[in-house]
Structures are given as structure tokens and as C-alpha cells.
PDB file of N, CA and C in Angstrom:
ATOM      1  N   MET A   1     133.655 -33.669-115.356  1.00  0.00           N
ATOM      2  CA  MET A   1     133.644 -32.568-115.369  1.00  0.00           C
ATOM      3  C   MET A   1     134.635 -32.314-116.989  1.00  0.00           C
ATOM      4  N   GLU A   2     135.667 -33.569-116.775  1.00  0.00           N
ATOM      5  CA  GLU A   2     136.481 -33.210-118.319  1.00  0.00           C
ATOM      6  C   GLU A   2     135.942 -32.818-119.477  1.00  0.00           C
ATOM      7  N   HIS A   3     134.903 -34.449-119.903  1.00  0.00           N
ATOM      8  CA  HIS A   3     133.485 -34.461-120.808  1.00  0.00           C
ATOM      9  C   HIS A   3     132.955 -32.582-121.032  1.00  0.00           C
ATOM     10  N   LEU A   4     132.524 -32.158-120.148  1.00  0.00           N
ATOM     11  CA  LEU A   4     131.653 -30.793-119.957  1.00  0.00           C
ATOM     12  C   LEU A   4     132.974 -30.238-120.350  1.00  0.00           C
ATOM     13  N   ILE A   5     133.947 -30.242-120.119  1.00  0.00           N
ATOM     14  CA  ILE A   5     134.522 -28.649-120.218  1.00  0.00           C
ATOM     15  C   ILE A   5     135.434 -28.915-121.933  1.00  0.00           C
ATOM     16  N   LEU A   6     135.820 -30.290-122.342  1.00  0.00           N
ATOM     17  CA  LEU A   6     136.267 -30.878-123.603  1.00  0.00           C
ATOM     18  C   LEU A   6     134.567 -30.316-124.881  1.00  0.00           C
ATOM     19  N   PHE A   7     133.432 -30.529-124.444  1.00  0.00           N
ATOM     20  CA  PHE A   7     132.388 -30.369-125.049  1.00  0.00           C
ATOM     21  C   PHE A   7     132.412 -28.652-125.179  1.00  0.00           C
ATOM     22  N   ALA A   8     132.144 -27.694-124.119  1.00  0.00           N
ATOM     23  CA  ALA A   8     132.653 -27.006-124.620  1.00  0.00           C
ATOM     24  C   ALA A   8     132.962 -25.638-125.082  1.00  0.00           C
ATOM     25  N   SER A   9     134.746 -26.263-125.358  1.00  0.00           N
ATOM     26  CA  SER A   9     135.660 -26.069-126.353  1.00  0.00           C
ATOM     27  C   SER A   9     135.766 -26.369-127.509  1.00  0.00           C
ATOM     28  N   VAL A  10     135.161 -27.503-127.966  1.00  0.00           N
ATOM     29  CA  VAL A  10     134.492 -27.912-128.894  1.00  0.00           C
ATOM     30  C   VAL A  10     133.193 -27.064-129.357  1.00  0.00           C
ATOM     31  N   PHE A  11     132.392 -26.689-128.865  1.00  0.00           N
ATOM     32  CA  PHE A  11     131.029 -25.427-128.981  1.00  0.00           C
ATOM     33  C   PHE A  11     132.073 -24.650-129.277  1.00  0.00           C
ATOM     34  N   LEU A  12     132.174 -23.980-128.814  1.00  0.00           N
ATOM     35  CA  LEU A  12     133.190 -22.633-128.753  1.00  0.00           C
ATOM     36  C   LEU A  12     134.003 -22.485-129.344  1.00  0.00           C
ATOM     37  N   VAL A  13     135.044 -23.818-130.315  1.00  0.00           N
ATOM     38  CA  VAL A  13     135.299 -23.831-131.472  1.00  0.00           C
ATOM     39  C   VAL A  13     134.859 -23.372-133.156  1.00  0.00           C
ATOM     40  N   MET A  14     133.391 -24.293-132.771  1.00  0.00           N
ATOM     41  CA  MET A  14     132.079 -23.742-133.783  1.00  0.00           C
ATOM     42  C   MET A  14     131.292 -22.540-133.871  1.00  0.00           C
ATOM     43  N   LEU A  15     131.787 -21.971-132.599  1.00  0.00           N
ATOM     44  CA  LEU A  15     131.387 -20.834-132.472  1.00  0.00           C
ATOM     45  C   LEU A  15     132.662 -19.683-133.056  1.00  0.00           C
ATOM     46  N   MET A  16     133.437 -19.824-132.798  1.00  0.00           N
ATOM     47  CA  MET A  16     134.781 -19.299-133.751  1.00  0.00           C
ATOM     48  C   MET A  16     134.699 -19.082-135.018  1.00  0.00           C
ATOM     49  N   MET A  17     134.186 -20.792-136.076  1.00  0.00           N
ATOM     50  CA  MET A  17     134.277 -20.555-137.173  1.00  0.00           C
ATOM     51  C   MET A  17     132.869 -19.927-137.911  1.00  0.00           C
ATOM     52  N   LEU A  18     131.798 -19.620-136.933  1.00  0.00           N
ATOM     53  CA  LEU A  18     130.480 -18.159-137.745  1.00  0.00           C
ATOM     54  C   LEU A  18     131.147 -17.173-137.620  1.00  0.00           C
ATOM     55  N   SER A  19     132.532 -16.709-136.586  1.00  0.00           N
ATOM     56  CA  SER A  19     132.853 -15.153-136.413  1.00  0.00           C
ATOM     57  C   SER A  19     133.875 -15.715-137.317  1.00  0.00           C
ATOM     58  N   LEU A  20     134.471 -16.128-137.543  1.00  0.00           N
ATOM     59  CA  LEU A  20     135.625 -16.123-139.161  1.00  0.00           C
ATOM     60  C   LEU A  20     134.914 -16.402-140.398  1.00  0.00           C
ATOM     61  N   TYR A  21     133.576 -16.797-140.470  1.00  0.00           N
ATOM     62  CA  TYR A  21     133.287 -16.871-141.580  1.00  0.00           C
ATOM     63  C   TYR A  21     132.546 -15.346-141.455  1.00  0.00           C
ATOM     64  N   ARG A  22     132.178 -14.704-140.785  1.00  0.00           N
ATOM     65  CA  ARG A  22     131.598 -13.081-140.548  1.00  0.00           C
ATOM     66  C   ARG A  22     132.827 -12.247-140.699  1.00  0.00           C
ATOM     67  N   THR A  23     133.941 -13.061-140.212  1.00  0.00           N
ATOM     68  CA  THR A  23     134.868 -11.465-140.744  1.00  0.00           C
ATOM     69  C   THR A  23     135.635 -12.056-142.315  1.00  0.00           C
ATOM     70  N   ILE A  24     135.419 -12.879-143.276  1.00  0.00           N
ATOM     71  CA  ILE A  24     136.072 -13.850-144.229  1.00  0.00           C
ATOM     72  C   ILE A  24     134.706 -12.851-145.102  1.00  0.00           C
ATOM     73  N   ILE A  25     133.508 -13.203-145.067  1.00  0.00           N
ATOM     74  CA  ILE A  25     132.140 -12.832-145.843  1.00  0.00           C
ATOM     75  C   ILE A  25     131.919 -11.147-145.471  1.00  0.00           C
ATOM     76  N   GLY A  26     132.515 -10.627-144.849  1.00  0.00           N
ATOM     77  CA  GLY A  26     131.647  -9.650-144.299  1.00  0.00           C
ATOM     78  C   GLY A  26     131.895  -8.032-144.776  1.00  0.00           C
ATOM     79  N   PRO A  27     130.628  -7.554-145.261  1.00  0.00           N
ATOM     80  CA  PRO A  27     130.294  -6.847-146.480  1.00  0.00           C
ATOM     81  C   PRO A  27     130.432  -5.586-145.895  1.00  0.00           C
ATOM     82  N   SER A  28     131.034  -5.571-144.790  1.00  0.00           N
ATOM     83  CA  SER A  28     131.479  -4.313-145.182  1.00  0.00           C
ATOM     84  C   SER A  28     133.211  -4.083-143.755  1.00  0.00           C
ATOM     85  N   THR A  29     134.085  -2.726-143.215  1.00  0.00           N
ATOM     86  CA  THR A  29     135.027  -3.414-142.420  1.00  0.00           C
ATOM     87  C   THR A  29     134.849  -3.060-141.573  1.00  0.00           C
ATOM     88  N   LEU A  30     133.705  -2.843-140.992  1.00  0.00           N
ATOM     89  CA  LEU A  30     133.394  -3.253-139.380  1.00  0.00           C
ATOM     90  C   LEU A  30     132.803  -4.396-138.970  1.00  0.00           C
ATOM     91  N   ASP A  31     131.744  -4.566-139.840  1.00  0.00           N
ATOM     92  CA  ASP A  31     131.776  -6.562-139.791  1.00  0.00           C
ATOM     93  C   ASP A  31     133.123  -7.389-139.807  1.00  0.00           C
ATOM     94  N   ARG A  32     134.069  -7.022-140.739  1.00  0.00           N
ATOM     95  CA  ARG A  32     135.393  -7.536-140.322  1.00  0.00           C
ATOM     96  C   ARG A  32     136.134  -7.739-138.801  1.00  0.00           C
ATOM     97  N   LEU A  33     136.261  -6.283-138.872  1.00  0.00           N
ATOM     98  CA  LEU A  33     136.623  -5.835-137.276  1.00  0.00           C
ATOM     99  C   LEU A  33     135.950  -6.430-135.931  1.00  0.00           C
ATOM    100  N   MET A  34     134.206  -6.658-136.318  1.00  0.00           N
ATOM    101  CA  MET A  34     133.911  -7.572-134.929  1.00  0.00           C
ATOM    102  C   MET A  34     133.876  -8.719-134.823  1.00  0.00           C
ATOM    103  N   GLY A  35     133.669  -9.321-136.005  1.00  0.00           N
ATOM    104  CA  GLY A  35     134.015 -10.792-136.631  1.00  0.00           C
ATOM    105  C   GLY A  35     135.793 -10.861-135.633  1.00  0.00           C
ATOM    106  N   MET A  36     137.079 -10.069-136.179  1.00  0.00           N
ATOM    107  CA  MET A  36     137.883 -10.312-135.611  1.00  0.00           C
ATOM    108  C   MET A  36     138.166 -10.385-133.778  1.00  0.00           C
ATOM    109  N   ASN A  37     137.308  -9.147-133.747  1.00  0.00           N
ATOM    110  CA  ASN A  37     136.966  -9.250-131.741  1.00  0.00           C
ATOM    111  C   ASN A  37     136.043  -9.781-131.485  1.00  0.00           C
ATOM    112  N   ALA A  38     135.265 -10.901-131.973  1.00  0.00           N
ATOM    113  CA  ALA A  38     134.449 -11.579-131.341  1.00  0.00           C
ATOM    114  C   ALA A  38     135.250 -13.269-130.979  1.00  0.00           C
ATOM    115  N   ILE A  39     136.358 -13.134-132.150  1.00  0.00           N
ATOM    116  CA  ILE A  39     137.397 -14.253-132.351  1.00  0.00           C
ATOM    117  C   ILE A  39     138.724 -14.006-131.089  1.00  0.00           C
ATOM    118  N   GLY A  40     139.151 -13.320-130.884  1.00  0.00           N
ATOM    119  CA  GLY A  40     140.203 -12.519-130.072  1.00  0.00           C
ATOM    120  C   GLY A  40     139.149 -13.388-128.700  1.00  0.00           C
ATOM    121  N   ALA A  41     138.404 -12.770-128.169  1.00  0.00           N
ATOM    122  CA  ALA A  41     137.242 -12.972-127.311  1.00  0.00           C
ATOM    123  C   ALA A  41     136.973 -14.872-127.139  1.00  0.00           C
ATOM    124  N   LYS A  42     136.817 -15.179-128.072  1.00  0.00           N
ATOM    125  CA  LYS A  42     136.544 -17.136-128.222  1.00  0.00           C
ATOM    126  C   LYS A  42     137.830 -16.929-127.559  1.00  0.00           C
ATOM    127  N   THR A  43     138.769 -17.182-128.030  1.00  0.00           N
ATOM    128  CA  THR A  43     140.583 -17.766-128.478  1.00  0.00           C
ATOM    129  C   THR A  43     140.725 -17.609-126.736  1.00  0.00           C
ATOM    130  N   THR A  44     140.127 -16.145-125.904  1.00  0.00           N
ATOM    131  CA  THR A  44     140.675 -15.863-125.134  1.00  0.00           C
ATOM    132  C   THR A  44     139.920 -17.285-123.757  1.00  0.00           C
ATOM    133  N   VAL A  45     138.685 -17.334-123.827  1.00  0.00           N
ATOM    134  CA  VAL A  45     138.131 -18.210-123.446  1.00  0.00           C
ATOM    135  C   VAL A  45     138.623 -20.277-123.158  1.00  0.00           C
ATOM    136  N   LEU A  46     138.375 -19.875-124.636  1.00  0.00           N
ATOM    137  CA  LEU A  46     139.332 -21.399-125.172  1.00  0.00           C
ATOM    138  C   LEU A  46     140.765 -21.851-124.211  1.00  0.00           C
ATOM    139  N   ILE A  47     141.384 -20.707-124.214  1.00  0.00           N
ATOM    140  CA  ILE A  47     142.946 -20.516-123.248  1.00  0.00           C
ATOM    141  C   ILE A  47     142.298 -20.806-122.122  1.00  0.00           C
ATOM    142  N   LEU A  48     141.490 -20.101-121.689  1.00  0.00           N
ATOM    143  CA  LEU A  48     141.145 -20.987-119.855  1.00  0.00           C
ATOM    144  C   LEU A  48     140.831 -21.921-119.912  1.00  0.00           C
ATOM    145  N   LEU A  49     139.884 -22.421-121.083  1.00  0.00           N
ATOM    146  CA  LEU A  49     139.077 -23.602-121.081  1.00  0.00           C
ATOM    147  C   LEU A  49     141.093 -24.818-121.062  1.00  0.00           C
ATOM    148  N   ILE A  50     141.433 -24.574-121.811  1.00  0.00           N
ATOM    149  CA  ILE A  50     142.602 -25.604-121.611  1.00  0.00           C
ATOM    150  C   ILE A  50     143.254 -25.538-120.825  1.00  0.00           C
ATOM    151  N   GLY A  51     143.667 -24.469-119.864  1.00  0.00           N
ATOM    152  CA  GLY A  51     144.156 -24.521-118.198  1.00  0.00           C
ATOM    153  C   GLY A  51     143.853 -24.964-117.635  1.00  0.00           C
ATOM    154  N   PHE A  52     142.303 -25.020-117.764  1.00  0.00           N
ATOM    155  CA  PHE A  52     141.266 -26.223-116.751  1.00  0.00           C
ATOM    156  C   PHE A  52     141.318 -27.518-116.957  1.00  0.00           C
ATOM    157  N   ILE A  53     141.754 -27.612-118.387  1.00  0.00           N
ATOM    158  CA  ILE A  53     141.976 -29.140-118.697  1.00  0.00           C
ATOM    159  C   ILE A  53     143.492 -30.093-118.414  1.00  0.00           C
ATOM    160  N   PHE A  54     144.251 -28.722-118.270  1.00  0.00           N
ATOM    161  CA  PHE A  54     145.368 -29.330-117.954  1.00  0.00           C
ATOM    162  C   PHE A  54     145.442 -28.922-116.218  1.00  0.00           C
ATOM    163  N   GLY A  55     144.430 -28.199-115.989  1.00  0.00           N
ATOM    164  CA  GLY A  55     144.965 -28.258-114.081  1.00  0.00           C
ATOM    165  C   GLY A  55     146.084 -27.225-113.974  1.00  0.00           C
ATOM    166  N   ARG A  56     146.293 -26.214-114.682  1.00  0.00           N
ATOM    167  CA  ARG A  56     147.744 -25.585-114.733  1.00  0.00           C
ATOM    168  C   ARG A  56     146.359 -23.776-114.779  1.00  0.00           C
ATOM    169  N   ILE A  57     145.167 -23.795-114.333  1.00  0.00           N
ATOM    170  CA  ILE A  57     144.682 -22.355-114.565  1.00  0.00           C
ATOM    171  C   ILE A  57     145.679 -20.802-114.003  1.00  0.00           C
ATOM    172  N   ASP A  58     146.314 -21.031-113.101  1.00  0.00           N
ATOM    173  CA  ASP A  58     146.885 -20.412-112.684  1.00  0.00           C
ATOM    174  C   ASP A  58     148.019 -19.931-113.692  1.00  0.00           C
ATOM    175  N   MET A  59     148.310 -20.090-114.750  1.00  0.00           N
ATOM    176  CA  MET A  59     149.545 -20.388-115.907  1.00  0.00           C
ATOM    177  C   MET A  59     148.881 -19.546-116.960  1.00  0.00           C
ATOM    178  N   PHE A  60     147.750 -20.226-116.832  1.00  0.00           N
ATOM    179  CA  PHE A  60     146.841 -19.848-118.392  1.00  0.00           C
ATOM    180  C   PHE A  60     146.197 -18.973-118.101  1.00  0.00           C
ATOM    181  N   VAL A  61     145.901 -18.134-116.796  1.00  0.00           N
ATOM    182  CA  VAL A  61     145.289 -16.872-116.882  1.00  0.00           C
ATOM    183  C   VAL A  61     146.088 -15.747-117.212  1.00  0.00           C
ATOM    184  N   ASP A  62     147.247 -16.021-117.069  1.00  0.00           N
ATOM    185  CA  ASP A  62     148.372 -15.072-117.255  1.00  0.00           C
ATOM    186  C   ASP A  62     148.608 -14.587-118.996  1.00  0.00           C
ATOM    187  N   ILE A  63     148.448 -15.840-119.728  1.00  0.00           N
ATOM    188  CA  ILE A  63     148.027 -15.557-121.058  1.00  0.00           C
ATOM    189  C   ILE A  63     147.400 -15.528-122.024  1.00  0.00           C
ATOM    190  N   ALA A  64     145.648 -15.709-120.850  1.00  0.00           N
ATOM    191  CA  ALA A  64     144.430 -15.208-121.601  1.00  0.00           C
ATOM    192  C   ALA A  64     144.742 -14.005-121.049  1.00  0.00           C
ATOM    193  N   LEU A  65     144.816 -13.537-120.420  1.00  0.00           N
ATOM    194  CA  LEU A  65     144.941 -11.426-119.948  1.00  0.00           C
ATOM    195  C   LEU A  65     146.134 -11.262-121.347  1.00  0.00           C
ATOM    196  N   SER A  66     146.992 -11.520-120.686  1.00  0.00           N
ATOM    197  CA  SER A  66     147.897 -10.870-122.419  1.00  0.00           C
ATOM    198  C   SER A  66     147.356 -10.811-123.819  1.00  0.00           C
ATOM    199  N   TYR A  67     146.895 -12.052-124.201  1.00  0.00           N
ATOM    200  CA  TYR A  67     146.188 -12.264-125.143  1.00  0.00           C
ATOM    201  C   TYR A  67     145.216 -11.360-125.435  1.00  0.00           C
ATOM    202  N   ALA A  68     144.108 -11.446-124.085  1.00  0.00           N
ATOM    203  CA  ALA A  68     142.670 -10.253-124.579  1.00  0.00           C
ATOM    204  C   ALA A  68     142.978  -9.157-124.578  1.00  0.00           C
ATOM    205  N   MET A  69     144.443  -8.028-124.190  1.00  0.00           N
ATOM    206  CA  MET A  69     144.873  -7.157-123.868  1.00  0.00           C
ATOM    207  C   MET A  69     145.706  -6.973-125.470  1.00  0.00           C
ATOM    208  N   LEU A  70     146.347  -7.632-126.078  1.00  0.00           N
ATOM    209  CA  LEU A  70     146.940  -7.523-127.522  1.00  0.00           C
ATOM    210  C   LEU A  70     145.676  -7.494-128.439  1.00  0.00           C
ATOM    211  N   ASN A  71     144.592  -8.710-127.909  1.00  0.00           N
ATOM    212  CA  ASN A  71     143.521  -8.406-128.988  1.00  0.00           C
ATOM    213  C   ASN A  71     142.983  -7.312-129.432  1.00  0.00           C
ATOM    214  N   PHE A  72     142.651  -6.449-127.738  1.00  0.00           N
ATOM    215  CA  PHE A  72     142.480  -4.975-127.693  1.00  0.00           C
ATOM    216  C   PHE A  72     142.875  -4.254-128.467  1.00  0.00           C
ATOM    217  N   ILE A  73     143.851  -4.532-128.252  1.00  0.00           N
ATOM    218  CA  ILE A  73     145.046  -2.968-128.588  1.00  0.00           C
ATOM    219  C   ILE A  73     144.840  -3.435-130.383  1.00  0.00           C
ATOM    220  N   ALA A  74     145.112  -4.388-131.233  1.00  0.00           N
ATOM    221  CA  ALA A  74     145.475  -4.578-132.201  1.00  0.00           C
ATOM    222  C   ALA A  74     143.651  -4.643-133.053  1.00  0.00           C
ATOM    223  N   VAL A  75     142.508  -4.300-132.480  1.00  0.00           N
ATOM    224  CA  VAL A  75     141.320  -3.883-132.677  1.00  0.00           C
ATOM    225  C   VAL A  75     141.501  -2.369-133.198  1.00  0.00           C
ATOM    226  N   LEU A  76     141.897  -1.627-131.432  1.00  0.00           N
ATOM    227  CA  LEU A  76     141.882  -0.584-131.435  1.00  0.00           C
ATOM    228  C   LEU A  76     142.421  -0.234-132.268  1.00  0.00           C
ATOM    229  N   THR A  77     143.936  -0.453-132.921  1.00  0.00           N
ATOM    230  CA  THR A  77     144.947   0.301-133.648  1.00  0.00           C
ATOM    231  C   THR A  77     143.794  -0.114-135.088  1.00  0.00           C
ATOM    232  N   ALA A  78     143.270  -0.935-135.365  1.00  0.00           N
ATOM    233  CA  ALA A  78     142.672  -1.492-136.778  1.00  0.00           C
ATOM    234  C   ALA A  78     142.065  -0.165-136.912  1.00  0.00           C
ATOM    235  N   SER A  79     140.814  -0.303-136.069  1.00  0.00           N
ATOM    236  CA  SER A  79     139.286   0.752-136.271  1.00  0.00           C
ATOM    237  C   SER A  79     140.037   2.142-136.456  1.00  0.00           C
ATOM    238  N   ARG A  80     141.092   2.557-135.998  1.00  0.00           N
ATOM    239  CA  ARG A  80     141.158   3.958-135.894  1.00  0.00           C
ATOM    240  C   ARG A  80     142.237   4.517-137.167  1.00  0.00           C
ATOM    241  N   TYR A  81     143.506   3.066-137.795  1.00  0.00           N
ATOM    242  CA  TYR A  81     143.167   2.882-139.462  1.00  0.00           C
ATOM    243  C   TYR A  81     142.222   3.673-139.839  1.00  0.00           C
ATOM    244  N   PHE A  82     141.448   2.015-140.097  1.00  0.00           N
ATOM    245  CA  PHE A  82     140.324   2.699-141.107  1.00  0.00           C
ATOM    246  C   PHE A  82     139.525   3.643-140.769  1.00  0.00           C
ATOM    247  N   GLN A  83     139.413   4.068-139.641  1.00  0.00           N
ATOM    248  CA  GLN A  83     138.860   5.461-139.239  1.00  0.00           C
ATOM    249  C   GLN A  83     139.622   6.723-140.626  1.00  0.00           C
ATOM    250  N   ALA A  84     141.224   7.071-139.786  1.00  0.00           N
ATOM    251  CA  ALA A  84     141.666   7.383-140.991  1.00  0.00           C
ATOM    252  C   ALA A  84     141.276   7.790-142.307  1.00  0.00           C
ATOM    253  N   ARG A  85     141.970   6.258-142.890  1.00  0.00           N
ATOM    254  CA  ARG A  85     141.444   5.729-143.905  1.00  0.00           C
ATOM    255  C   ARG A  85     140.785   6.321-144.509  1.00  0.00           C
ATOM    256  N   GLY A  86     139.569   6.400-144.150  1.00  0.00           N
ATOM    257  CA  GLY A  86     138.235   6.728-144.647  1.00  0.00           C
ATOM    258  C   GLY A  86     138.112   8.555-145.013  1.00  0.00           C
ATOM    259  N   MET A  87     138.469   8.885-143.768  1.00  0.00           N
ATOM    260  CA  MET A  87     138.068  10.310-143.531  1.00  0.00           C
ATOM    261  C   MET A  87     139.489  10.973-144.890  1.00  0.00           C
ATOM    262  N   ARG A  88     140.223  10.349-144.861  1.00  0.00           N
ATOM    263  CA  ARG A  88     141.188  10.387-145.949  1.00  0.00           C
ATOM    264  C   ARG A  88     140.665  10.581-147.322  1.00  0.00           C
ATOM    265  N   LYS A  89     139.638   9.238-147.695  1.00  0.00           N
ATOM    266  CA  LYS A  89     139.370   9.403-148.989  1.00  0.00           C
ATOM    267  C   LYS A  89     138.299  10.331-148.913  1.00  0.00           C
ATOM    268  N   ARG A  90     137.258  10.655-147.425  1.00  0.00           N
ATOM    269  CA  ARG A  90     136.445  11.396-147.785  1.00  0.00           C
ATOM    270  C   ARG A  90     136.861  13.019-148.432  1.00  0.00           C
ATOM    271  N   ASP A  91     137.954  12.880-147.811  1.00  0.00           N
ATOM    272  CA  ASP A  91     139.019  14.639-147.903  1.00  0.00           C
ATOM    273  C   ASP A  91     139.137  14.638-149.440  1.00  0.00           C
ATOM    274  N   SER A  92     139.708  13.559-149.896  1.00  0.00           N
ATOM    275  CA  SER A  92     140.065  13.452-151.846  1.00  0.00           C
ATOM    276  C   SER A  92     138.552  13.802-152.510  1.00  0.00           C
ATOM    277  N   ASN A  93     137.681  12.962-151.816  1.00  0.00           N
ATOM    278  CA  ASN A  93     135.983  13.150-152.764  1.00  0.00           C
ATOM    279  C   ASN A  93     135.741  14.273-152.841  1.00  0.00           C
ATOM    280  N   LEU A  94     135.754  14.855-152.043  1.00  0.00           N
ATOM    281  CA  LEU A  94     135.437  16.429-151.362  1.00  0.00           C
ATOM    282  C   LEU A  94     136.390  17.342-152.605  1.00  0.00           C
ATOM    283  N   ARG A  95     137.655  16.917-152.773  1.00  0.00           N
ATOM    284  CA  ARG A  95     138.136  17.752-153.313  1.00  0.00           C
ATOM    285  C   ARG A  95     138.102  18.190-154.847  1.00  0.00           C
ATOM    286  N   VAL A  96     137.812  16.375-155.382  1.00  0.00           N
ATOM    287  CA  VAL A  96     137.821  16.212-156.896  1.00  0.00           C
ATOM    288  C   VAL A  96     135.974  16.669-156.749  1.00  0.00           C
ATOM    289  N   GLU A  97     135.137  17.134-156.156  1.00  0.00           N
ATOM    290  CA  GLU A  97     134.081  17.857-156.781  1.00  0.00           C
ATOM    291  C   GLU A  97     133.946  19.008-156.663  1.00  0.00           C
ATOM    292  N   GLU A  98     134.698  19.353-156.082  1.00  0.00           N
ATOM    293  CA  GLU A  98     135.121  20.888-155.858  1.00  0.00           C
ATOM    294  C   GLU A  98     135.639  21.507-157.217  1.00  0.00           C
TER     295      GLU A  98
END
């Protein structure tokens, strides 16, 4: 059973590398935010797998839930920031054209 969990953990880290590539190379800000959100979700699952390996799933569930909430708040805050910044750029472009 431990070998299966270890294999799943390694596979999850490889998937995180693909999301990291999307975050770094992403052509738009939305792609980068989605990549960061995917990395955060996979990290939450990885924390749970580590807890299962150590046999302390009860402790690691709390850590994973806290990390998931922080990830959600960070992505939400970043998306609102970039949305507001985009609206300011559009407003300044409209003023210049007038």
C-alpha cells in the first residue's frame, strides 16, 4: 500500500511540474492564475498523501484544509487585483483616445 501512495505522490509532483510550466510560460494572466490554482490543489492532495504515509492523517487534514483555504483566498485576491488593474488600463486608454 505504501508503494502505491509513494507512486501517486511522485505522479502528482510530475503533474505539478506541468502546471508550473503553464504558470511560468502562460500567455495570459488568467493562464498563470489557473496554473497557480492547480498547483495549490495538487499540493493539498500531496499533503494528505504525506499524512497517510506518516500515519497521522488526522493532523495533516487540518494542515491541508488550511492550505486549501489560503490558496483559494490568494487566487481570489490576485484575480481581483488583476481585474482592477485591467479596468484601470482600459479607462486610461479611453481617456487618451478621447
